[in-house]
PDB file of N, CA and C in Angstrom:
ATOM      1  N   MET A   1       0.844  -1.174   0.000  1.00  0.00           N
ATOM      2  CA  MET A   1       0.000   0.000   0.000  1.00  0.00           C
ATOM      3  C   MET A   1       0.891   1.238   0.000  1.00  0.00           C
ATOM      4  N   PRO A   2       0.624   2.199  -0.855  1.00  0.00           N
ATOM      5  CA  PRO A   2       1.437   3.416  -0.861  1.00  0.00           C
ATOM      6  C   PRO A   2       1.194   4.238   0.403  1.00  0.00           C
ATOM      7  N   ALA A   3       2.201   4.992   0.770  1.00  0.00           N
ATOM      8  CA  ALA A   3       2.095   5.827   1.964  1.00  0.00           C
ATOM      9  C   ALA A   3       1.058   6.918   1.733  1.00  0.00           C
ATOM     10  N   LEU A   4       0.313   7.214   2.779  1.00  0.00           N
ATOM     11  CA  LEU A   4      -0.606   8.352   2.728  1.00  0.00           C
ATOM     12  C   LEU A   4       0.203   9.626   2.853  1.00  0.00           C
ATOM     13  N   LYS A   5      -0.310  10.681   2.305  1.00  0.00           N
ATOM     14  CA  LYS A   5       0.369  11.962   2.420  1.00  0.00           C
ATOM     15  C   LYS A   5       0.218  12.453   3.859  1.00  0.00           C
ATOM     16  N   PRO A   6       1.331  12.694   4.549  1.00  0.00           N
ATOM     17  CA  PRO A   6       1.252  13.142   5.941  1.00  0.00           C
ATOM     18  C   PRO A   6       0.710  14.564   6.033  1.00  0.00           C
ATOM     19  N   PRO A   7       0.082  14.893   7.149  1.00  0.00           N
ATOM     20  CA  PRO A   7      -0.376  16.275   7.342  1.00  0.00           C
ATOM     21  C   PRO A   7       0.800  17.247   7.262  1.00  0.00           C
ATOM     22  N   GLN A   8       0.589  18.363   6.587  1.00  0.00           N
ATOM     23  CA  GLN A   8       1.657  19.328   6.358  1.00  0.00           C
ATOM     24  C   GLN A   8       2.089  20.080   7.608  1.00  0.00           C
ATOM     25  N   HIS A   9       1.239  20.120   8.633  1.00  0.00           N
ATOM     26  CA  HIS A   9       1.617  20.855   9.840  1.00  0.00           C
ATOM     27  C   HIS A   9       2.620  20.091  10.704  1.00  0.00           C
ATOM     28  N   LEU A  10       2.888  18.831  10.363  1.00  0.00           N
ATOM     29  CA  LEU A  10       3.863  18.051  11.120  1.00  0.00           C
ATOM     30  C   LEU A  10       5.274  18.453  10.701  1.00  0.00           C
ATOM     31  N   ARG A  11       6.216  18.281  11.611  1.00  0.00           N
ATOM     32  CA  ARG A  11       7.622  18.551  11.302  1.00  0.00           C
ATOM     33  C   ARG A  11       8.138  17.505  10.320  1.00  0.00           C
ATOM     34  N   PRO A  12       9.149  17.859   9.518  1.00  0.00           N
ATOM     35  CA  PRO A  12       9.643  16.920   8.495  1.00  0.00           C
ATOM     36  C   PRO A  12       9.997  15.519   9.022  1.00  0.00           C
ATOM     37  N   PRO A  13      10.729  15.370  10.141  1.00  0.00           N
ATOM     38  CA  PRO A  13      11.005  14.000  10.600  1.00  0.00           C
ATOM     39  C   PRO A  13       9.736  13.250  11.008  1.00  0.00           C
ATOM     40  N   THR A  14       8.773  13.966  11.545  1.00  0.00           N
ATOM     41  CA  THR A  14       7.519  13.336  11.956  1.00  0.00           C
ATOM     42  C   THR A  14       6.696  12.959  10.730  1.00  0.00           C
ATOM     43  N   ARG A  15       6.740  13.792   9.699  1.00  0.00           N
ATOM     44  CA  ARG A  15       6.054  13.445   8.448  1.00  0.00           C
ATOM     45  C   ARG A  15       6.655  12.183   7.843  1.00  0.00           C
ATOM     46  N   ALA A  16       7.982  12.057   7.910  1.00  0.00           N
ATOM     47  CA  ALA A  16       8.646  10.857   7.379  1.00  0.00           C
ATOM     48  C   ALA A  16       8.223   9.622   8.167  1.00  0.00           C
ATOM     49  N   TRP A  17       8.144   9.747   9.491  1.00  0.00           N
ATOM     50  CA  TRP A  17       7.695   8.626  10.333  1.00  0.00           C
ATOM     51  C   TRP A  17       6.257   8.250   9.993  1.00  0.00           C
ATOM     52  N   PHE A  18       5.393   9.237   9.844  1.00  0.00           N
ATOM     53  CA  PHE A  18       3.991   9.013   9.495  1.00  0.00           C
ATOM     54  C   PHE A  18       3.902   8.233   8.181  1.00  0.00           C
ATOM     55  N   ALA A  19       4.660   8.681   7.177  1.00  0.00           N
ATOM     56  CA  ALA A  19       4.647   8.013   5.870  1.00  0.00           C
ATOM     57  C   ALA A  19       5.147   6.573   5.984  1.00  0.00           C
ATOM     58  N   LYS A  20       6.186   6.351   6.778  1.00  0.00           N
ATOM     59  CA  LYS A  20       6.727   4.987   6.941  1.00  0.00           C
ATOM     60  C   LYS A  20       5.704   4.068   7.592  1.00  0.00           C
ATOM     61  N   VAL A  21       5.045   4.557   8.629  1.00  0.00           N
ATOM     62  CA  VAL A  21       4.043   3.736   9.321  1.00  0.00           C
ATOM     63  C   VAL A  21       2.886   3.410   8.382  1.00  0.00           C
ATOM     64  N   THR A  22       2.430   4.393   7.608  1.00  0.00           N
ATOM     65  CA  THR A  22       1.308   4.122   6.708  1.00  0.00           C
ATOM     66  C   THR A  22       1.703   3.205   5.559  1.00  0.00           C
ATOM     67  N   THR A  23       2.988   3.140   5.249  1.00  0.00           N
ATOM     68  CA  THR A  23       3.461   2.204   4.233  1.00  0.00           C
ATOM     69  C   THR A  23       3.595   0.799   4.799  1.00  0.00           C
ATOM     70  N   ASP A  24       4.096   0.692   6.024  1.00  0.00           N
ATOM     71  CA  ASP A  24       4.397  -0.606   6.623  1.00  0.00           C
ATOM     72  C   ASP A  24       3.179  -1.326   7.195  1.00  0.00           C
ATOM     73  N   PHE A  25       2.096  -0.601   7.472  1.00  0.00           N
ATOM     74  CA  PHE A  25       0.934  -1.205   8.124  1.00  0.00           C
ATOM     75  C   PHE A  25      -0.337  -0.906   7.342  1.00  0.00           C
ATOM     76  N   ASP A  26      -1.256  -1.856   7.395  1.00  0.00           N
ATOM     77  CA  ASP A  26      -2.561  -1.717   6.776  1.00  0.00           C
ATOM     78  C   ASP A  26      -3.476  -1.060   7.810  1.00  0.00           C
ATOM     79  N   LEU A  27      -3.674   0.231   7.698  1.00  0.00           N
ATOM     80  CA  LEU A  27      -4.409   0.985   8.707  1.00  0.00           C
ATOM     81  C   LEU A  27      -5.813   1.326   8.232  1.00  0.00           C
ATOM     82  N   GLU A  28      -6.752   1.219   9.147  1.00  0.00           N
ATOM     83  CA  GLU A  28      -8.117   1.667   8.895  1.00  0.00           C
ATOM     84  C   GLU A  28      -8.173   3.174   9.119  1.00  0.00           C
ATOM     85  N   GLN A  29      -9.301   3.786   8.744  1.00  0.00           N
ATOM     86  CA  GLN A  29      -9.433   5.233   8.862  1.00  0.00           C
ATOM     87  C   GLN A  29      -9.263   5.714  10.304  1.00  0.00           C
ATOM     88  N   HIS A  30      -9.809   4.979  11.267  1.00  0.00           N
ATOM     89  CA  HIS A  30      -9.673   5.403  12.667  1.00  0.00           C
ATOM     90  C   HIS A  30      -8.230   5.271  13.151  1.00  0.00           C
ATOM     91  N   HIS A  31      -7.462   4.344  12.577  1.00  0.00           N
ATOM     92  CA  HIS A  31      -6.051   4.232  12.923  1.00  0.00           C
ATOM     93  C   HIS A  31      -5.276   5.441  12.397  1.00  0.00           C
ATOM     94  N   ILE A  32      -5.650   5.924  11.222  1.00  0.00           N
ATOM     95  CA  ILE A  32      -4.994   7.104  10.649  1.00  0.00           C
ATOM     96  C   ILE A  32      -5.209   8.305  11.564  1.00  0.00           C
ATOM     97  N   ARG A  33      -6.399   8.424  12.104  1.00  0.00           N
ATOM     98  CA  ARG A  33      -6.668   9.541  13.025  1.00  0.00           C
ATOM     99  C   ARG A  33      -5.831   9.419  14.296  1.00  0.00           C
ATOM    100  N   LEU A  34      -5.722   8.206  14.825  1.00  0.00           N
ATOM    101  CA  LEU A  34      -4.893   7.995  16.015  1.00  0.00           C
ATOM    102  C   LEU A  34      -3.422   8.273  15.705  1.00  0.00           C
ATOM    103  N   LEU A  35      -2.978   7.835  14.542  1.00  0.00           N
ATOM    104  CA  LEU A  35      -1.593   8.075  14.132  1.00  0.00           C
ATOM    105  C   LEU A  35      -1.322   9.571  13.994  1.00  0.00           C
ATOM    106  N   THR A  36      -2.269  10.302  13.438  1.00  0.00           N
ATOM    107  CA  THR A  36      -2.124  11.750  13.307  1.00  0.00           C
ATOM    108  C   THR A  36      -2.019  12.406  14.676  1.00  0.00           C
ATOM    109  N   LEU A  37      -2.879  11.999  15.595  1.00  0.00           N
ATOM    110  CA  LEU A  37      -2.814  12.537  16.956  1.00  0.00           C
ATOM    111  C   LEU A  37      -1.484  12.215  17.619  1.00  0.00           C
ATOM    112  N   ALA A  38      -0.996  10.991  17.422  1.00  0.00           N
ATOM    113  CA  ALA A  38       0.299  10.604  18.006  1.00  0.00           C
ATOM    114  C   ALA A  38       1.420  11.471  17.441  1.00  0.00           C
ATOM    115  N   ALA A  39       1.397  11.697  16.143  1.00  0.00           N
ATOM    116  CA  ALA A  39       2.423  12.531  15.515  1.00  0.00           C
ATOM    117  C   ALA A  39       2.363  13.963  16.047  1.00  0.00           C
ATOM    118  N   GLU A  40       1.161  14.482  16.222  1.00  0.00           N
ATOM    119  CA  GLU A  40       1.010  15.831  16.773  1.00  0.00           C
ATOM    120  C   GLU A  40       1.531  15.898  18.211  1.00  0.00           C
ATOM    121  N   CYS A  41       1.261  14.867  18.992  1.00  0.00           N
ATOM    122  CA  CYS A  41       1.769  14.826  20.368  1.00  0.00           C
ATOM    123  C   CYS A  41       3.294  14.800  20.385  1.00  0.00           C
ATOM    124  N   TRP A  42       3.886  14.036  19.490  1.00  0.00           N
ATOM    125  CA  TRP A  42       5.348  13.978  19.413  1.00  0.00           C
ATOM    126  C   TRP A  42       5.917  15.361  19.101  1.00  0.00           C
ATOM    127  N   ASP A  43       5.334  16.014  18.097  1.00  0.00           N
ATOM    128  CA  ASP A  43       5.823  17.347  17.732  1.00  0.00           C
ATOM    129  C   ASP A  43       5.643  18.339  18.877  1.00  0.00           C
ATOM    130  N   ARG A  44       4.521  18.262  19.578  1.00  0.00           N
ATOM    131  CA  ARG A  44       4.274  19.169  20.703  1.00  0.00           C
ATOM    132  C   ARG A  44       5.297  18.928  21.815  1.00  0.00           C
ATOM    133  N   ALA A  45       5.613  17.684  22.088  1.00  0.00           N
ATOM    134  CA  ALA A  45       6.629  17.386  23.109  1.00  0.00           C
ATOM    135  C   ALA A  45       7.983  17.943  22.687  1.00  0.00           C
ATOM    136  N   GLN A  46       8.314  17.853  21.410  1.00  0.00           N
ATOM    137  CA  GLN A  46       9.586  18.389  20.924  1.00  0.00           C
ATOM    138  C   GLN A  46       9.627  19.915  21.024  1.00  0.00           C
ATOM    139  N   GLN A  47       8.513  20.557  20.732  1.00  0.00           N
ATOM    140  CA  GLN A  47       8.441  22.013  20.868  1.00  0.00           C
ATOM    141  C   GLN A  47       8.672  22.427  22.322  1.00  0.00           C
ATOM    142  N   ALA A  48       8.024  21.719  23.241  1.00  0.00           N
ATOM    143  CA  ALA A  48       8.197  22.036  24.659  1.00  0.00           C
ATOM    144  C   ALA A  48       9.639  21.796  25.087  1.00  0.00           C
ATOM    145  N   ARG A  49      10.239  20.728  24.601  1.00  0.00           N
ATOM    146  CA  ARG A  49      11.634  20.418  24.936  1.00  0.00           C
ATOM    147  C   ARG A  49      12.576  21.523  24.448  1.00  0.00           C
ATOM    148  N   GLU A  50      12.325  22.022  23.254  1.00  0.00           N
ATOM    149  CA  GLU A  50      13.145  23.111  22.717  1.00  0.00           C
ATOM    150  C   GLU A  50      12.982  24.387  23.552  1.00  0.00           C
ATOM    151  N   ALA A  51      11.753  24.677  23.963  1.00  0.00           N
ATOM    152  CA  ALA A  51      11.520  25.856  24.806  1.00  0.00           C
ATOM    153  C   ALA A  51      12.228  25.702  26.146  1.00  0.00           C
ATOM    154  N   LEU A  52      12.202  24.498  26.709  1.00  0.00           N
ATOM    155  CA  LEU A  52      12.893  24.257  27.977  1.00  0.00           C
ATOM    156  C   LEU A  52      14.401  24.382  27.813  1.00  0.00           C
ATOM    157  N   ALA A  53      14.914  23.962  26.675  1.00  0.00           N
ATOM    158  CA  ALA A  53      16.354  24.101  26.426  1.00  0.00           C
ATOM    159  C   ALA A  53      16.729  25.579  26.358  1.00  0.00           C
ATOM    160  N   ASP A  54      15.847  26.395  25.832  1.00  0.00           N
ATOM    161  CA  ASP A  54      16.108  27.839  25.723  1.00  0.00           C
ATOM    162  C   ASP A  54      15.922  28.576  27.045  1.00  0.00           C
ATOM    163  N   HIS A  55      14.886  28.229  27.782  1.00  0.00           N
ATOM    164  CA  HIS A  55      14.483  29.017  28.956  1.00  0.00           C
ATOM    165  C   HIS A  55      14.774  28.358  30.301  1.00  0.00           C
ATOM    166  N   GLY A  56      15.136  27.086  30.293  1.00  0.00           N
ATOM    167  CA  GLY A  56      15.369  26.372  31.552  1.00  0.00           C
ATOM    168  C   GLY A  56      14.092  25.731  32.070  1.00  0.00           C
ATOM    169  N   LEU A  57      14.236  24.957  33.136  1.00  0.00           N
ATOM    170  CA  LEU A  57      13.106  24.219  33.692  1.00  0.00           C
ATOM    171  C   LEU A  57      12.234  25.045  34.629  1.00  0.00           C
ATOM    172  N   THR A  58      12.800  26.103  35.200  1.00  0.00           N
ATOM    173  CA  THR A  58      12.061  26.868  36.198  1.00  0.00           C
ATOM    174  C   THR A  58      12.105  28.362  35.903  1.00  0.00           C
ATOM    175  N   PHE A  59      11.212  29.074  36.564  1.00  0.00           N
ATOM    176  CA  PHE A  59      11.223  30.529  36.553  1.00  0.00           C
ATOM    177  C   PHE A  59      10.907  30.988  37.969  1.00  0.00           C
ATOM    178  N   ASN A  60      11.281  32.196  38.287  1.00  0.00           N
ATOM    179  CA  ASN A  60      10.980  32.756  39.606  1.00  0.00           C
ATOM    180  C   ASN A  60       9.768  33.674  39.491  1.00  0.00           C
ATOM    181  N   ASP A  61       8.830  33.498  40.415  1.00  0.00           N
ATOM    182  CA  ASP A  61       7.658  34.362  40.407  1.00  0.00           C
ATOM    183  C   ASP A  61       8.008  35.726  41.001  1.00  0.00           C
ATOM    184  N   ARG A  62       7.034  36.575  41.157  1.00  0.00           N
ATOM    185  CA  ARG A  62       7.295  37.950  41.623  1.00  0.00           C
ATOM    186  C   ARG A  62       7.832  37.989  43.045  1.00  0.00           C
ATOM    187  N   PHE A  63       7.682  36.884  43.766  1.00  0.00           N
ATOM    188  CA  PHE A  63       8.202  36.823  45.132  1.00  0.00           C
ATOM    189  C   PHE A  63       9.566  36.143  45.194  1.00  0.00           C
ATOM    190  N   GLY A  64      10.077  35.732  44.033  1.00  0.00           N
ATOM    191  CA  GLY A  64      11.376  35.078  43.968  1.00  0.00           C
ATOM    192  C   GLY A  64      11.329  33.579  44.193  1.00  0.00           C
ATOM    193  N   SER A  65      10.120  33.006  44.266  1.00  0.00           N
ATOM    194  CA  SER A  65       9.982  31.561  44.459  1.00  0.00           C
ATOM    195  C   SER A  65      10.074  30.845  43.109  1.00  0.00           C
ATOM    196  N   PRO A  66      10.862  29.778  43.046  1.00  0.00           N
ATOM    197  CA  PRO A  66      10.983  29.051  41.774  1.00  0.00           C
ATOM    198  C   PRO A  66       9.746  28.190  41.497  1.00  0.00           C
ATOM    199  N   HIS A  67       9.375  28.130  40.233  1.00  0.00           N
ATOM    200  CA  HIS A  67       8.256  27.293  39.776  1.00  0.00           C
ATOM    201  C   HIS A  67       8.656  26.614  38.477  1.00  0.00           C
ATOM    202  N   ALA A  68       8.083  25.458  38.244  1.00  0.00           N
ATOM    203  CA  ALA A  68       8.315  24.767  36.968  1.00  0.00           C
ATOM    204  C   ALA A  68       7.662  25.564  35.847  1.00  0.00           C
ATOM    205  N   ARG A  69       8.351  25.649  34.725  1.00  0.00           N
ATOM    206  CA  ARG A  69       7.783  26.334  33.562  1.00  0.00           C
ATOM    207  C   ARG A  69       6.606  25.516  33.030  1.00  0.00           C
ATOM    208  N   PRO A  70       5.622  26.169  32.426  1.00  0.00           N
ATOM    209  CA  PRO A  70       4.469  25.443  31.869  1.00  0.00           C
ATOM    210  C   PRO A  70       4.873  24.392  30.834  1.00  0.00           C
ATOM    211  N   GLU A  71       5.986  24.617  30.155  1.00  0.00           N
ATOM    212  CA  GLU A  71       6.427  23.666  29.131  1.00  0.00           C
ATOM    213  C   GLU A  71       6.778  22.299  29.712  1.00  0.00           C
ATOM    214  N   VAL A  72       7.114  22.253  31.007  1.00  0.00           N
ATOM    215  CA  VAL A  72       7.393  20.966  31.658  1.00  0.00           C
ATOM    216  C   VAL A  72       6.142  20.097  31.592  1.00  0.00           C
ATOM    217  N   ALA A  73       4.995  20.669  31.935  1.00  0.00           N
ATOM    218  CA  ALA A  73       3.734  19.919  31.892  1.00  0.00           C
ATOM    219  C   ALA A  73       3.342  19.577  30.456  1.00  0.00           C
ATOM    220  N   VAL A  74       3.576  20.495  29.534  1.00  0.00           N
ATOM    221  CA  VAL A  74       3.248  20.235  28.128  1.00  0.00           C
ATOM    222  C   VAL A  74       4.061  19.054  27.618  1.00  0.00           C
ATOM    223  N   GLU A  75       5.359  19.039  27.920  1.00  0.00           N
ATOM    224  CA  GLU A  75       6.203  17.923  27.472  1.00  0.00           C
ATOM    225  C   GLU A  75       5.751  16.606  28.101  1.00  0.00           C
ATOM    226  N   ARG A  76       5.523  16.623  29.399  1.00  0.00           N
ATOM    227  CA  ARG A  76       5.095  15.403  30.107  1.00  0.00           C
ATOM    228  C   ARG A  76       3.772  14.883  29.549  1.00  0.00           C
ATOM    229  N   ASP A  77       2.806  15.767  29.408  1.00  0.00           N
ATOM    230  CA  ASP A  77       1.492  15.345  28.937  1.00  0.00           C
ATOM    231  C   ASP A  77       1.536  14.858  27.490  1.00  0.00           C
ATOM    232  N   SER A  78       2.339  15.506  26.670  1.00  0.00           N
ATOM    233  CA  SER A  78       2.456  15.096  25.272  1.00  0.00           C
ATOM    234  C   SER A  78       3.141  13.740  25.147  1.00  0.00           C
ATOM    235  N   ARG A  79       4.153  13.511  25.964  1.00  0.00           N
ATOM    236  CA  ARG A  79       4.820  12.191  25.954  1.00  0.00           C
ATOM    237  C   ARG A  79       3.863  11.094  26.391  1.00  0.00           C
ATOM    238  N   THR A  80       3.100  11.368  27.431  1.00  0.00           N
ATOM    239  CA  THR A  80       2.133  10.385  27.928  1.00  0.00           C
ATOM    240  C   THR A  80       1.086  10.076  26.864  1.00  0.00           C
ATOM    241  N   ALA A  81       0.560  11.114  26.234  1.00  0.00           N
ATOM    242  CA  ALA A  81      -0.443  10.916  25.196  1.00  0.00           C
ATOM    243  C   ALA A  81       0.146  10.151  24.012  1.00  0.00           C
ATOM    244  N   PHE A  82       1.379  10.484  23.614  1.00  0.00           N
ATOM    245  CA  PHE A  82       2.034   9.783  22.514  1.00  0.00           C
ATOM    246  C   PHE A  82       2.160   8.290  22.829  1.00  0.00           C
ATOM    247  N   ALA A  83       2.637   7.978  24.030  1.00  0.00           N
ATOM    248  CA  ALA A  83       2.814   6.576  24.415  1.00  0.00           C
ATOM    249  C   ALA A  83       1.474   5.834  24.424  1.00  0.00           C
ATOM    250  N   ARG A  84       0.451   6.463  24.925  1.00  0.00           N
ATOM    251  CA  ARG A  84      -0.871   5.820  24.974  1.00  0.00           C
ATOM    252  C   ARG A  84      -1.434   5.614  23.576  1.00  0.00           C
ATOM    253  N   LEU A  85      -1.252   6.595  22.708  1.00  0.00           N
ATOM    254  CA  LEU A  85      -1.744   6.447  21.339  1.00  0.00           C
ATOM    255  C   LEU A  85      -0.992   5.343  20.596  1.00  0.00           C
ATOM    256  N   LEU A  86       0.310   5.249  20.810  1.00  0.00           N
ATOM    257  CA  LEU A  86       1.062   4.152  20.188  1.00  0.00           C
ATOM    258  C   LEU A  86       0.602   2.799  20.707  1.00  0.00           C
ATOM    259  N   ARG A  87       0.336   2.728  21.993  1.00  0.00           N
ATOM    260  CA  ARG A  87      -0.164   1.476  22.567  1.00  0.00           C
ATOM    261  C   ARG A  87      -1.520   1.126  21.956  1.00  0.00           C
ATOM    262  N   GLU A  88      -2.358   2.132  21.772  1.00  0.00           N
ATOM    263  CA  GLU A  88      -3.669   1.911  21.174  1.00  0.00           C
ATOM    264  C   GLU A  88      -3.554   1.466  19.718  1.00  0.00           C
ATOM    265  N   LEU A  89      -2.585   2.012  18.994  1.00  0.00           N
ATOM    266  CA  LEU A  89      -2.369   1.613  17.607  1.00  0.00           C
ATOM    267  C   LEU A  89      -1.816   0.203  17.497  1.00  0.00           C
ATOM    268  N   ASP A  90      -1.088  -0.238  18.526  1.00  0.00           N
ATOM    269  CA  ASP A  90      -0.572  -1.608  18.573  1.00  0.00           C
ATOM    270  C   ASP A  90       0.335  -1.907  17.383  1.00  0.00           C
ATOM    271  N   LEU A  91       1.336  -1.056  17.170  1.00  0.00           N
ATOM    272  CA  LEU A  91       2.245  -1.208  16.043  1.00  0.00           C
ATOM    273  C   LEU A  91       3.426  -2.126  16.347  1.00  0.00           C
ATOM    274  N   ASP A  92       3.367  -2.862  17.439  1.00  0.00           N
ATOM    275  CA  ASP A  92       4.490  -3.697  17.848  1.00  0.00           C
ATOM    276  C   ASP A  92       4.489  -5.061  17.174  1.00  0.00           C
ATOM    277  N   VAL A  93       4.128  -5.087  15.920  1.00  0.00           N
ATOM    278  CA  VAL A  93       4.224  -6.338  15.171  1.00  0.00           C
ATOM    279  C   VAL A  93       5.474  -6.269  14.316  1.00  0.00           C
ATOM    280  N   ALA A  94       6.017  -7.415  13.972  1.00  0.00           N
ATOM    281  CA  ALA A  94       7.216  -7.444  13.133  1.00  0.00           C
ATOM    282  C   ALA A  94       6.880  -6.918  11.746  1.00  0.00           C
ATOM    283  N   PRO A  95       7.805  -6.199  11.117  1.00  0.00           N
ATOM    284  CA  PRO A  95       7.551  -5.731   9.751  1.00  0.00           C
ATOM    285  C   PRO A  95       7.406  -6.913   8.805  1.00  0.00           C
ATOM    286  N   PRO A  96       6.719  -6.730   7.702  1.00  0.00           N
ATOM    287  CA  PRO A  96       6.515  -7.850   6.785  1.00  0.00           C
ATOM    288  C   PRO A  96       7.831  -8.377   6.228  1.00  0.00           C
ATOM    289  N   ALA A  97       7.948  -9.702   6.143  1.00  0.00           N
ATOM    290  CA  ALA A  97       9.174 -10.331   5.657  1.00  0.00           C
ATOM    291  C   ALA A  97       9.214 -10.359   4.132  1.00  0.00           C
ATOM    292  N   GLN A  98       8.067 -10.489   3.512  1.00  0.00           N
ATOM    293  CA  GLN A  98       8.029 -10.567   2.059  1.00  0.00           C
ATOM    294  C   GLN A  98       7.177  -9.436   1.511  1.00  0.00           C
ATOM    295  N   ALA A  99       7.325  -9.225   0.215  1.00  0.00           N
ATOM    296  CA  ALA A  99       6.517  -8.198  -0.442  1.00  0.00           C
ATOM    297  C   ALA A  99       5.065  -8.652  -0.444  1.00  0.00           C
ATOM    298  N   GLY A 100       4.190  -7.728  -0.544  1.00  0.00           N
ATOM    299  CA  GLY A 100       2.765  -8.040  -0.558  1.00  0.00           C
ATOM    300  C   GLY A 100       2.026  -7.084   0.346  1.00  0.00           C
ATOM    301  N   ARG A 101       0.894  -7.494   0.760  1.00  0.00           N
ATOM    302  CA  ARG A 101       0.064  -6.645   1.595  1.00  0.00           C
ATOM    303  C   ARG A 101       0.669  -6.493   2.991  1.00  0.00           C
ATOM    304  N   PRO A 102       0.696  -5.273   3.518  1.00  0.00           N
ATOM    305  CA  PRO A 102       1.220  -5.074   4.877  1.00  0.00           C
ATOM    306  C   PRO A 102       0.352  -5.800   5.896  1.00  0.00           C
ATOM    307  N   PRO A 103       0.916  -6.118   7.053  1.00  0.00           N
ATOM    308  CA  PRO A 103       0.135  -6.846   8.051  1.00  0.00           C
ATOM    309  C   PRO A 103      -0.971  -5.966   8.617  1.00  0.00           C
ATOM    310  N   SER A 104      -2.078  -6.595   8.937  1.00  0.00           N
ATOM    311  CA  SER A 104      -3.150  -5.897   9.633  1.00  0.00           C
ATOM    312  C   SER A 104      -2.730  -5.715  11.076  1.00  0.00           C
ATOM    313  N   LEU A 105      -3.297  -4.730  11.713  1.00  0.00           N
ATOM    314  CA  LEU A 105      -3.005  -4.532  13.129  1.00  0.00           C
ATOM    315  C   LEU A 105      -3.715  -5.594  13.936  1.00  0.00           C
ATOM    316  N   ARG A 106      -3.003  -6.161  14.899  1.00  0.00           N
ATOM    317  CA  ARG A 106      -3.658  -7.112  15.795  1.00  0.00           C
ATOM    318  C   ARG A 106      -4.245  -6.297  16.938  1.00  0.00           C
ATOM    319  N   SER A 107      -5.257  -6.804  17.525  1.00  0.00           N
ATOM    320  CA  SER A 107      -5.914  -6.075  18.605  1.00  0.00           C
ATOM    321  C   SER A 107      -5.108  -6.217  19.884  1.00  0.00           C
ATOM    322  N   ASN A 108      -5.067  -5.157  20.679  1.00  0.00           N
ATOM    323  CA  ASN A 108      -4.412  -5.271  21.977  1.00  0.00           C
ATOM    324  C   ASN A 108      -5.426  -5.647  23.053  1.00  0.00           C
ATOM    325  N   ARG A 109      -6.628  -5.964  22.628  1.00  0.00           N
ATOM    326  CA  ARG A 109      -7.659  -6.432  23.552  1.00  0.00           C
ATOM    327  C   ARG A 109      -7.647  -7.962  23.519  1.00  0.00           C
ATOM    328  N   ARG A 110      -7.184  -8.559  24.554  1.00  0.00           N
ATOM    329  CA  ARG A 110      -7.058 -10.024  24.569  1.00  0.00           C
ATOM    330  C   ARG A 110      -8.068 -10.653  25.458  1.00  0.00           C
TER     331      ARG A 110
END
């Protein structure tokens, strides 16, 4: 199956990952939506990480007390959402050994 065109708002490495996953797996429409959300979560976590690299982990309020920057929560929440979406997609199957139709996703509901 040819790769679906990744959403343009994703970062280039994330678009490449999206295209690879859609090529390697036979995804239903609802899986594509989950994959898109996972890719967006990954990009959001990377944005927060870059902001933290620029500004540090904490800031001092008007009283001089240190507080975690909001980006700490954004990164944490985005990572958690990404991991959960990947678990829901259940992409932990071996890649296809031979040419032909990509493997269907197996259910993680046992």
